[in-house]
Structure formats: structure tokens, C-alpha cells
Amino acid sequence: MEESVPFNVLSHKMVPVHELLSDEETDKVLKKLKITRDQLPKIKENDAAIKMLEKAMNQAIPEKSVIRIIRDSETSEEAVVYRLVIRG
């Protein structure tokens, strides 16, 4: 969390919403998708969006945490994807 990011990338209109899931939420999502945590696409812990999320939460996001990313979509209003936090 010591690395500084020059501006809050999460406030930029082109960056989708990023949310840290609780363990319970993660379990529900994985069960619904019928996959394991390690089968999720990855996002590095040193990604600028992760750094800003940590700063906003005032805590580090542990490796193996799951992030929900909500993007605007022209065809379905919003698209929800999940990423597994890995070491950068």
C-alpha cells in the first residue's frame, strides 16, 4: 500500500467500478459460476485500481481476494466480471 498512484484512477469515467467481495460473497459467486477461485481471471495486486481500492478502504487487499468489476454495457446495461488478486 506504500506505492503512490498520481491520481485516483477509480474516479475516471472510463474505469469501471471495482468492489472487494467478502468471503461469503465469493463463495456464492463461485458456486453460482461452478468454478474454483483459481479459475478466475487474474488482477495483479499492484494494479492502479487495486491500489486505489486499498487506499479507499484504508487496508491492504490480501492475495487470493476476489474483486467484482462492473462495467457499463450497451447491450445489457452492465457487465459484471470477477478477478482474483495475485502478487504483482
PDB file of N, CA and C in Angstrom:
ATOM      1  N   MET A   1       0.819  -1.193   0.000  1.00  0.00           N
ATOM      2  CA  MET A   1       0.000   0.000   0.000  1.00  0.00           C
ATOM      3  C   MET A   1       0.864   1.259   0.000  1.00  0.00           C
ATOM      4  N   GLU A   2       2.178   1.093   0.089  1.00  0.00           N
ATOM      5  CA  GLU A   2       3.061   2.248   0.147  1.00  0.00           C
ATOM      6  C   GLU A   2       3.226   2.926  -1.205  1.00  0.00           C
ATOM      7  N   GLU A   3       3.053   2.157  -2.308  1.00  0.00           N
ATOM      8  CA  GLU A   3       3.217   2.736  -3.623  1.00  0.00           C
ATOM      9  C   GLU A   3       2.181   3.828  -3.828  1.00  0.00           C
ATOM     10  N   SER A   4       2.621   4.935  -4.411  1.00  0.00           N
ATOM     11  CA  SER A   4       1.666   6.014  -4.635  1.00  0.00           C
ATOM     12  C   SER A   4       1.203   5.998  -6.086  1.00  0.00           C
ATOM     13  N   VAL A   5      -0.033   6.347  -6.279  1.00  0.00           N
ATOM     14  CA  VAL A   5      -0.617   6.480  -7.602  1.00  0.00           C
ATOM     15  C   VAL A   5      -0.916   7.962  -7.760  1.00  0.00           C
ATOM     16  N   PRO A   6      -0.488   8.570  -8.887  1.00  0.00           N
ATOM     17  CA  PRO A   6      -0.592  10.020  -9.023  1.00  0.00           C
ATOM     18  C   PRO A   6      -2.007  10.598  -8.920  1.00  0.00           C
ATOM     19  N   PHE A   7      -3.025   9.824  -9.270  1.00  0.00           N
ATOM     20  CA  PHE A   7      -4.408  10.299  -9.143  1.00  0.00           C
ATOM     21  C   PHE A   7      -5.308   9.092  -8.929  1.00  0.00           C
ATOM     22  N   ASN A   8      -6.519   9.337  -8.509  1.00  0.00           N
ATOM     23  CA  ASN A   8      -7.454   8.256  -8.228  1.00  0.00           C
ATOM     24  C   ASN A   8      -8.045   7.739  -9.535  1.00  0.00           C
ATOM     25  N   VAL A   9      -7.510   6.633 -10.016  1.00  0.00           N
ATOM     26  CA  VAL A   9      -7.976   6.080 -11.288  1.00  0.00           C
ATOM     27  C   VAL A   9      -9.425   5.628 -11.205  1.00  0.00           C
ATOM     28  N   LEU A  10      -9.903   5.277 -10.011  1.00  0.00           N
ATOM     29  CA  LEU A  10     -11.281   4.807  -9.855  1.00  0.00           C
ATOM     30  C   LEU A  10     -12.308   5.911 -10.099  1.00  0.00           C
ATOM     31  N   SER A  11     -11.867   7.163 -10.038  1.00  0.00           N
ATOM     32  CA  SER A  11     -12.799   8.263 -10.267  1.00  0.00           C
ATOM     33  C   SER A  11     -12.878   8.656 -11.748  1.00  0.00           C
ATOM     34  N   HIS A  12     -12.058   8.039 -12.584  1.00  0.00           N
ATOM     35  CA  HIS A  12     -12.082   8.348 -14.018  1.00  0.00           C
ATOM     36  C   HIS A  12     -13.297   7.685 -14.669  1.00  0.00           C
ATOM     37  N   LYS A  13     -13.955   8.375 -15.564  1.00  0.00           N
ATOM     38  CA  LYS A  13     -15.190   7.869 -16.164  1.00  0.00           C
ATOM     39  C   LYS A  13     -14.984   6.611 -17.007  1.00  0.00           C
ATOM     40  N   MET A  14     -13.772   6.343 -17.449  1.00  0.00           N
ATOM     41  CA  MET A  14     -13.513   5.160 -18.269  1.00  0.00           C
ATOM     42  C   MET A  14     -13.141   3.925 -17.442  1.00  0.00           C
ATOM     43  N   VAL A  15     -12.964   4.091 -16.142  1.00  0.00           N
ATOM     44  CA  VAL A  15     -12.591   2.966 -15.268  1.00  0.00           C
ATOM     45  C   VAL A  15     -13.853   2.423 -14.603  1.00  0.00           C
ATOM     46  N   PRO A  16     -14.096   1.120 -14.765  1.00  0.00           N
ATOM     47  CA  PRO A  16     -15.308   0.543 -14.167  1.00  0.00           C
ATOM     48  C   PRO A  16     -15.221   0.478 -12.646  1.00  0.00           C
ATOM     49  N   VAL A  17     -16.359   0.257 -12.025  1.00  0.00           N
ATOM     50  CA  VAL A  17     -16.443   0.122 -10.567  1.00  0.00           C
ATOM     51  C   VAL A  17     -15.719  -1.157 -10.146  1.00  0.00           C
ATOM     52  N   HIS A  18     -14.900  -1.065  -9.101  1.00  0.00           N
ATOM     53  CA  HIS A  18     -14.201  -2.212  -8.520  1.00  0.00           C
ATOM     54  C   HIS A  18     -14.669  -2.377  -7.082  1.00  0.00           C
ATOM     55  N   GLU A  19     -15.042  -3.601  -6.705  1.00  0.00           N
ATOM     56  CA  GLU A  19     -15.507  -3.879  -5.344  1.00  0.00           C
ATOM     57  C   GLU A  19     -14.832  -5.143  -4.817  1.00  0.00           C
ATOM     58  N   LEU A  20     -14.393  -5.087  -3.580  1.00  0.00           N
ATOM     59  CA  LEU A  20     -13.833  -6.260  -2.919  1.00  0.00           C
ATOM     60  C   LEU A  20     -14.975  -7.097  -2.375  1.00  0.00           C
ATOM     61  N   LEU A  21     -14.995  -8.390  -2.700  1.00  0.00           N
ATOM     62  CA  LEU A  21     -16.038  -9.277  -2.194  1.00  0.00           C
ATOM     63  C   LEU A  21     -15.631  -9.870  -0.853  1.00  0.00           C
ATOM     64  N   SER A  22     -16.609 -10.072  -0.001  1.00  0.00           N
ATOM     65  CA  SER A  22     -16.359 -10.783   1.254  1.00  0.00           C
ATOM     66  C   SER A  22     -16.191 -12.265   0.928  1.00  0.00           C
ATOM     67  N   ASP A  23     -15.734 -13.044   1.894  1.00  0.00           N
ATOM     68  CA  ASP A  23     -15.589 -14.486   1.693  1.00  0.00           C
ATOM     69  C   ASP A  23     -16.931 -15.127   1.378  1.00  0.00           C
ATOM     70  N   GLU A  24     -17.982 -14.668   2.048  1.00  0.00           N
ATOM     71  CA  GLU A  24     -19.316 -15.226   1.814  1.00  0.00           C
ATOM     72  C   GLU A  24     -19.800 -14.918   0.397  1.00  0.00           C
ATOM     73  N   GLU A  25     -19.601 -13.671  -0.041  1.00  0.00           N
ATOM     74  CA  GLU A  25     -19.990 -13.289  -1.402  1.00  0.00           C
ATOM     75  C   GLU A  25     -19.196 -14.079  -2.427  1.00  0.00           C
ATOM     76  N   THR A  26     -17.899 -14.249  -2.158  1.00  0.00           N
ATOM     77  CA  THR A  26     -17.046 -15.012  -3.063  1.00  0.00           C
ATOM     78  C   THR A  26     -17.539 -16.442  -3.194  1.00  0.00           C
ATOM     79  N   ASP A  27     -17.857 -17.072  -2.068  1.00  0.00           N
ATOM     80  CA  ASP A  27     -18.358 -18.451  -2.097  1.00  0.00           C
ATOM     81  C   ASP A  27     -19.623 -18.563  -2.932  1.00  0.00           C
ATOM     82  N   LYS A  28     -20.537 -17.609  -2.782  1.00  0.00           N
ATOM     83  CA  LYS A  28     -21.791 -17.623  -3.550  1.00  0.00           C
ATOM     84  C   LYS A  28     -21.529 -17.490  -5.046  1.00  0.00           C
ATOM     85  N   VAL A  29     -20.634 -16.574  -5.408  1.00  0.00           N
ATOM     86  CA  VAL A  29     -20.312 -16.349  -6.819  1.00  0.00           C
ATOM     87  C   VAL A  29     -19.668 -17.598  -7.424  1.00  0.00           C
ATOM     88  N   LEU A  30     -18.703 -18.171  -6.719  1.00  0.00           N
ATOM     89  CA  LEU A  30     -18.017 -19.351  -7.234  1.00  0.00           C
ATOM     90  C   LEU A  30     -18.979 -20.527  -7.386  1.00  0.00           C
ATOM     91  N   LYS A  31     -19.873 -20.669  -6.439  1.00  0.00           N
ATOM     92  CA  LYS A  31     -20.866 -21.746  -6.509  1.00  0.00           C
ATOM     93  C   LYS A  31     -21.796 -21.526  -7.704  1.00  0.00           C
ATOM     94  N   LYS A  32     -22.249 -20.290  -7.885  1.00  0.00           N
ATOM     95  CA  LYS A  32     -23.141 -19.964  -8.994  1.00  0.00           C
ATOM     96  C   LYS A  32     -22.455 -20.213 -10.342  1.00  0.00           C
ATOM     97  N   LEU A  33     -21.185 -19.838 -10.438  1.00  0.00           N
ATOM     98  CA  LEU A  33     -20.440 -19.999 -11.692  1.00  0.00           C
ATOM     99  C   LEU A  33     -19.879 -21.415 -11.868  1.00  0.00           C
ATOM    100  N   LYS A  34     -19.945 -22.212 -10.793  1.00  0.00           N
ATOM    101  CA  LYS A  34     -19.439 -23.590 -10.799  1.00  0.00           C
ATOM    102  C   LYS A  34     -17.960 -23.656 -11.195  1.00  0.00           C
ATOM    103  N   ILE A  35     -17.178 -22.792 -10.530  1.00  0.00           N
ATOM    104  CA  ILE A  35     -15.737 -22.752 -10.750  1.00  0.00           C
ATOM    105  C   ILE A  35     -15.026 -22.624  -9.406  1.00  0.00           C
ATOM    106  N   THR A  36     -13.709 -22.783  -9.436  1.00  0.00           N
ATOM    107  CA  THR A  36     -12.897 -22.562  -8.240  1.00  0.00           C
ATOM    108  C   THR A  36     -12.276 -21.171  -8.324  1.00  0.00           C
ATOM    109  N   ARG A  37     -11.800 -20.717  -7.216  1.00  0.00           N
ATOM    110  CA  ARG A  37     -11.169 -19.396  -7.130  1.00  0.00           C
ATOM    111  C   ARG A  37     -10.030 -19.256  -8.146  1.00  0.00           C
ATOM    112  N   ASP A  38      -9.222 -20.292  -8.278  1.00  0.00           N
ATOM    113  CA  ASP A  38      -8.066 -20.233  -9.182  1.00  0.00           C
ATOM    114  C   ASP A  38      -8.435 -20.230 -10.658  1.00  0.00           C
ATOM    115  N   GLN A  39      -9.689 -20.506 -10.984  1.00  0.00           N
ATOM    116  CA  GLN A  39     -10.128 -20.478 -12.374  1.00  0.00           C
ATOM    117  C   GLN A  39     -10.550 -19.079 -12.822  1.00  0.00           C
ATOM    118  N   LEU A  40     -10.631 -18.152 -11.888  1.00  0.00           N
ATOM    119  CA  LEU A  40     -10.986 -16.769 -12.230  1.00  0.00           C
ATOM    120  C   LEU A  40      -9.838 -16.095 -12.980  1.00  0.00           C
ATOM    121  N   PRO A  41     -10.165 -15.136 -13.856  1.00  0.00           N
ATOM    122  CA  PRO A  41      -9.106 -14.303 -14.442  1.00  0.00           C
ATOM    123  C   PRO A  41      -8.397 -13.552 -13.316  1.00  0.00           C
ATOM    124  N   LYS A  42      -7.175 -13.148 -13.564  1.00  0.00           N
ATOM    125  CA  LYS A  42      -6.340 -12.552 -12.515  1.00  0.00           C
ATOM    126  C   LYS A  42      -6.237 -11.040 -12.653  1.00  0.00           C
ATOM    127  N   ILE A  43      -5.935 -10.391 -11.521  1.00  0.00           N
ATOM    128  CA  ILE A  43      -5.573  -8.973 -11.484  1.00  0.00           C
ATOM    129  C   ILE A  43      -4.429  -8.845 -10.488  1.00  0.00           C
ATOM    130  N   LYS A  44      -3.385  -8.151 -10.878  1.00  0.00           N
ATOM    131  CA  LYS A  44      -2.208  -8.040 -10.006  1.00  0.00           C
ATOM    132  C   LYS A  44      -2.461  -7.077  -8.851  1.00  0.00           C
ATOM    133  N   GLU A  45      -1.875  -7.391  -7.706  1.00  0.00           N
ATOM    134  CA  GLU A  45      -2.051  -6.563  -6.517  1.00  0.00           C
ATOM    135  C   GLU A  45      -1.471  -5.161  -6.687  1.00  0.00           C
ATOM    136  N   ASN A  46      -0.575  -4.983  -7.668  1.00  0.00           N
ATOM    137  CA  ASN A  46      -0.004  -3.649  -7.884  1.00  0.00           C
ATOM    138  C   ASN A  46      -0.726  -2.882  -8.995  1.00  0.00           C
ATOM    139  N   ASP A  47      -1.867  -3.396  -9.454  1.00  0.00           N
ATOM    140  CA  ASP A  47      -2.702  -2.688 -10.417  1.00  0.00           C
ATOM    141  C   ASP A  47      -3.173  -1.377  -9.774  1.00  0.00           C
ATOM    142  N   ALA A  48      -3.215  -0.313 -10.561  1.00  0.00           N
ATOM    143  CA  ALA A  48      -3.582   1.007 -10.025  1.00  0.00           C
ATOM    144  C   ALA A  48      -4.974   0.993  -9.389  1.00  0.00           C
ATOM    145  N   ALA A  49      -5.915   0.271  -9.979  1.00  0.00           N
ATOM    146  CA  ALA A  49      -7.269   0.209  -9.410  1.00  0.00           C
ATOM    147  C   ALA A  49      -7.255  -0.485  -8.054  1.00  0.00           C
ATOM    148  N   ILE A  50      -6.453  -1.517  -7.897  1.00  0.00           N
ATOM    149  CA  ILE A  50      -6.354  -2.222  -6.612  1.00  0.00           C
ATOM    150  C   ILE A  50      -5.722  -1.299  -5.573  1.00  0.00           C
ATOM    151  N   LYS A  51      -4.688  -0.576  -5.960  1.00  0.00           N
ATOM    152  CA  LYS A  51      -4.034   0.361  -5.040  1.00  0.00           C
ATOM    153  C   LYS A  51      -5.014   1.429  -4.552  1.00  0.00           C
ATOM    154  N   MET A  52      -5.837   1.951  -5.449  1.00  0.00           N
ATOM    155  CA  MET A  52      -6.810   2.979  -5.063  1.00  0.00           C
ATOM    156  C   MET A  52      -7.911   2.384  -4.184  1.00  0.00           C
ATOM    157  N   LEU A  53      -8.319   1.158  -4.465  1.00  0.00           N
ATOM    158  CA  LEU A  53      -9.322   0.491  -3.640  1.00  0.00           C
ATOM    159  C   LEU A  53      -8.780   0.283  -2.228  1.00  0.00           C
ATOM    160  N   GLU A  54      -7.514  -0.123  -2.130  1.00  0.00           N
ATOM    161  CA  GLU A  54      -6.879  -0.280  -0.815  1.00  0.00           C
ATOM    162  C   GLU A  54      -6.851   1.047  -0.066  1.00  0.00           C
ATOM    163  N   LYS A  55      -6.507   2.097  -0.779  1.00  0.00           N
ATOM    164  CA  LYS A  55      -6.442   3.427  -0.150  1.00  0.00           C
ATOM    165  C   LYS A  55      -7.828   3.854   0.343  1.00  0.00           C
ATOM    166  N   ALA A  56      -8.857   3.612  -0.476  1.00  0.00           N
ATOM    167  CA  ALA A  56     -10.219   3.988  -0.095  1.00  0.00           C
ATOM    168  C   ALA A  56     -10.699   3.190   1.113  1.00  0.00           C
ATOM    169  N   MET A  57     -10.276   1.916   1.190  1.00  0.00           N
ATOM    170  CA  MET A  57     -10.696   1.051   2.290  1.00  0.00           C
ATOM    171  C   MET A  57      -9.776   1.194   3.497  1.00  0.00           C
ATOM    172  N   ASN A  58      -8.627   1.839   3.290  1.00  0.00           N
ATOM    173  CA  ASN A  58      -7.624   2.015   4.334  1.00  0.00           C
ATOM    174  C   ASN A  58      -7.114   0.667   4.872  1.00  0.00           C
ATOM    175  N   GLN A  59      -6.957  -0.282   3.952  1.00  0.00           N
ATOM    176  CA  GLN A  59      -6.401  -1.587   4.320  1.00  0.00           C
ATOM    177  C   GLN A  59      -5.888  -2.287   3.073  1.00  0.00           C
ATOM    178  N   ALA A  60      -4.949  -3.182   3.261  1.00  0.00           N
ATOM    179  CA  ALA A  60      -4.407  -3.957   2.152  1.00  0.00           C
ATOM    180  C   ALA A  60      -5.421  -5.008   1.714  1.00  0.00           C
ATOM    181  N   ILE A  61      -5.417  -5.305   0.434  1.00  0.00           N
ATOM    182  CA  ILE A  61      -6.270  -6.366  -0.098  1.00  0.00           C
ATOM    183  C   ILE A  61      -5.402  -7.615  -0.206  1.00  0.00           C
ATOM    184  N   PRO A  62      -5.742  -8.659   0.532  1.00  0.00           N
ATOM    185  CA  PRO A  62      -4.904  -9.857   0.537  1.00  0.00           C
ATOM    186  C   PRO A  62      -4.894 -10.588  -0.809  1.00  0.00           C
ATOM    187  N   GLU A  63      -3.802 -11.251  -1.076  1.00  0.00           N
ATOM    188  CA  GLU A  63      -3.708 -12.128  -2.240  1.00  0.00           C
ATOM    189  C   GLU A  63      -4.820 -13.174  -2.138  1.00  0.00           C
ATOM    190  N   LYS A  64      -5.357 -13.581  -3.267  1.00  0.00           N
ATOM    191  CA  LYS A  64      -6.448 -14.564  -3.373  1.00  0.00           C
ATOM    192  C   LYS A  64      -7.821 -13.967  -3.066  1.00  0.00           C
ATOM    193  N   SER A  65      -7.880 -12.641  -2.853  1.00  0.00           N
ATOM    194  CA  SER A  65      -9.175 -11.973  -2.702  1.00  0.00           C
ATOM    195  C   SER A  65      -9.837 -11.893  -4.072  1.00  0.00           C
ATOM    196  N   VAL A  66     -11.150 -11.715  -4.076  1.00  0.00           N
ATOM    197  CA  VAL A  66     -11.886 -11.608  -5.337  1.00  0.00           C
ATOM    198  C   VAL A  66     -12.474 -10.206  -5.455  1.00  0.00           C
ATOM    199  N   ILE A  67     -12.294  -9.637  -6.637  1.00  0.00           N
ATOM    200  CA  ILE A  67     -12.775  -8.293  -6.951  1.00  0.00           C
ATOM    201  C   ILE A  67     -13.897  -8.408  -7.978  1.00  0.00           C
ATOM    202  N   ARG A  68     -15.020  -7.711  -7.725  1.00  0.00           N
ATOM    203  CA  ARG A  68     -16.105  -7.621  -8.705  1.00  0.00           C
ATOM    204  C   ARG A  68     -15.886  -6.328  -9.487  1.00  0.00           C
ATOM    205  N   ILE A  69     -15.934  -6.425 -10.799  1.00  0.00           N
ATOM    206  CA  ILE A  69     -15.777  -5.261 -11.668  1.00  0.00           C
ATOM    207  C   ILE A  69     -17.071  -5.107 -12.460  1.00  0.00           C
ATOM    208  N   ILE A  70     -17.660  -3.926 -12.363  1.00  0.00           N
ATOM    209  CA  ILE A  70     -18.948  -3.663 -13.009  1.00  0.00           C
ATOM    210  C   ILE A  70     -18.735  -2.616 -14.095  1.00  0.00           C
ATOM    211  N   ARG A  71     -18.929  -3.050 -15.332  1.00  0.00           N
ATOM    212  CA  ARG A  71     -18.748  -2.162 -16.486  1.00  0.00           C
ATOM    213  C   ARG A  71     -20.102  -1.815 -17.096  1.00  0.00           C
ATOM    214  N   ASP A  72     -20.206  -0.613 -17.640  1.00  0.00           N
ATOM    215  CA  ASP A  72     -21.384  -0.260 -18.421  1.00  0.00           C
ATOM    216  C   ASP A  72     -21.350  -1.065 -19.714  1.00  0.00           C
ATOM    217  N   SER A  73     -22.530  -1.478 -20.169  1.00  0.00           N
ATOM    218  CA  SER A  73     -22.628  -2.267 -21.385  1.00  0.00           C
ATOM    219  C   SER A  73     -23.749  -1.726 -22.243  1.00  0.00           C
ATOM    220  N   GLU A  74     -23.490  -1.582 -23.525  1.00  0.00           N
ATOM    221  CA  GLU A  74     -24.514  -1.077 -24.438  1.00  0.00           C
ATOM    222  C   GLU A  74     -25.624  -2.105 -24.665  1.00  0.00           C
ATOM    223  N   THR A  75     -25.301  -3.373 -24.499  1.00  0.00           N
ATOM    224  CA  THR A  75     -26.287  -4.415 -24.806  1.00  0.00           C
ATOM    225  C   THR A  75     -27.044  -4.934 -23.589  1.00  0.00           C
ATOM    226  N   SER A  76     -26.432  -4.843 -22.399  1.00  0.00           N
ATOM    227  CA  SER A  76     -27.115  -5.401 -21.226  1.00  0.00           C
ATOM    228  C   SER A  76     -27.048  -4.492 -19.993  1.00  0.00           C
ATOM    229  N   GLU A  77     -26.960  -3.196 -20.222  1.00  0.00           N
ATOM    230  CA  GLU A  77     -26.870  -2.186 -19.162  1.00  0.00           C
ATOM    231  C   GLU A  77     -25.561  -2.255 -18.390  1.00  0.00           C
ATOM    232  N   GLU A  78     -25.261  -3.453 -17.835  1.00  0.00           N
ATOM    233  CA  GLU A  78     -23.981  -3.592 -17.138  1.00  0.00           C
ATOM    234  C   GLU A  78     -23.446  -5.008 -17.317  1.00  0.00           C
ATOM    235  N   ALA A  79     -22.126  -5.103 -17.289  1.00  0.00           N
ATOM    236  CA  ALA A  79     -21.459  -6.394 -17.380  1.00  0.00           C
ATOM    237  C   ALA A  79     -20.651  -6.567 -16.098  1.00  0.00           C
ATOM    238  N   VAL A  80     -20.841  -7.692 -15.437  1.00  0.00           N
ATOM    239  CA  VAL A  80     -20.148  -7.961 -14.180  1.00  0.00           C
ATOM    240  C   VAL A  80     -19.131  -9.065 -14.420  1.00  0.00           C
ATOM    241  N   VAL A  81     -17.890  -8.790 -14.022  1.00  0.00           N
ATOM    242  CA  VAL A  81     -16.816  -9.778 -14.123  1.00  0.00           C
ATOM    243  C   VAL A  81     -16.106  -9.860 -12.775  1.00  0.00           C
ATOM    244  N   TYR A  82     -15.356 -10.925 -12.587  1.00  0.00           N
ATOM    245  CA  TYR A  82     -14.655 -11.139 -11.323  1.00  0.00           C
ATOM    246  C   TYR A  82     -13.193 -11.399 -11.616  1.00  0.00           C
ATOM    247  N   ARG A  83     -12.329 -10.929 -10.709  1.00  0.00           N
ATOM    248  CA  ARG A  83     -10.894 -11.125 -10.845  1.00  0.00           C
ATOM    249  C   ARG A  83     -10.308 -11.602  -9.519  1.00  0.00           C
ATOM    250  N   LEU A  84      -9.313 -12.462  -9.620  1.00  0.00           N
ATOM    251  CA  LEU A  84      -8.586 -12.968  -8.457  1.00  0.00           C
ATOM    252  C   LEU A  84      -7.324 -12.138  -8.278  1.00  0.00           C
ATOM    253  N   VAL A  85      -7.106 -11.596  -7.098  1.00  0.00           N
ATOM    254  CA  VAL A  85      -5.928 -10.784  -6.817  1.00  0.00           C
ATOM    255  C   VAL A  85      -4.715 -11.703  -6.640  1.00  0.00           C
ATOM    256  N   ILE A  86      -3.664 -11.406  -7.423  1.00  0.00           N
ATOM    257  CA  ILE A  86      -2.427 -12.181  -7.331  1.00  0.00           C
ATOM    258  C   ILE A  86      -1.255 -11.226  -7.085  1.00  0.00           C
ATOM    259  N   ARG A  87      -0.134 -11.787  -6.702  1.00  0.00           N
ATOM    260  CA  ARG A  87       1.067 -10.962  -6.490  1.00  0.00           C
ATOM    261  C   ARG A  87       1.529 -10.375  -7.795  1.00  0.00           C
ATOM    262  N   GLY A  88       1.990  -9.143  -7.727  1.00  0.00           N
ATOM    263  CA  GLY A  88       2.400  -8.434  -8.936  1.00  0.00           C
ATOM    264  C   GLY A  88       3.841  -8.537  -9.142  1.00  0.00           C
TER     265      GLY A  88
END
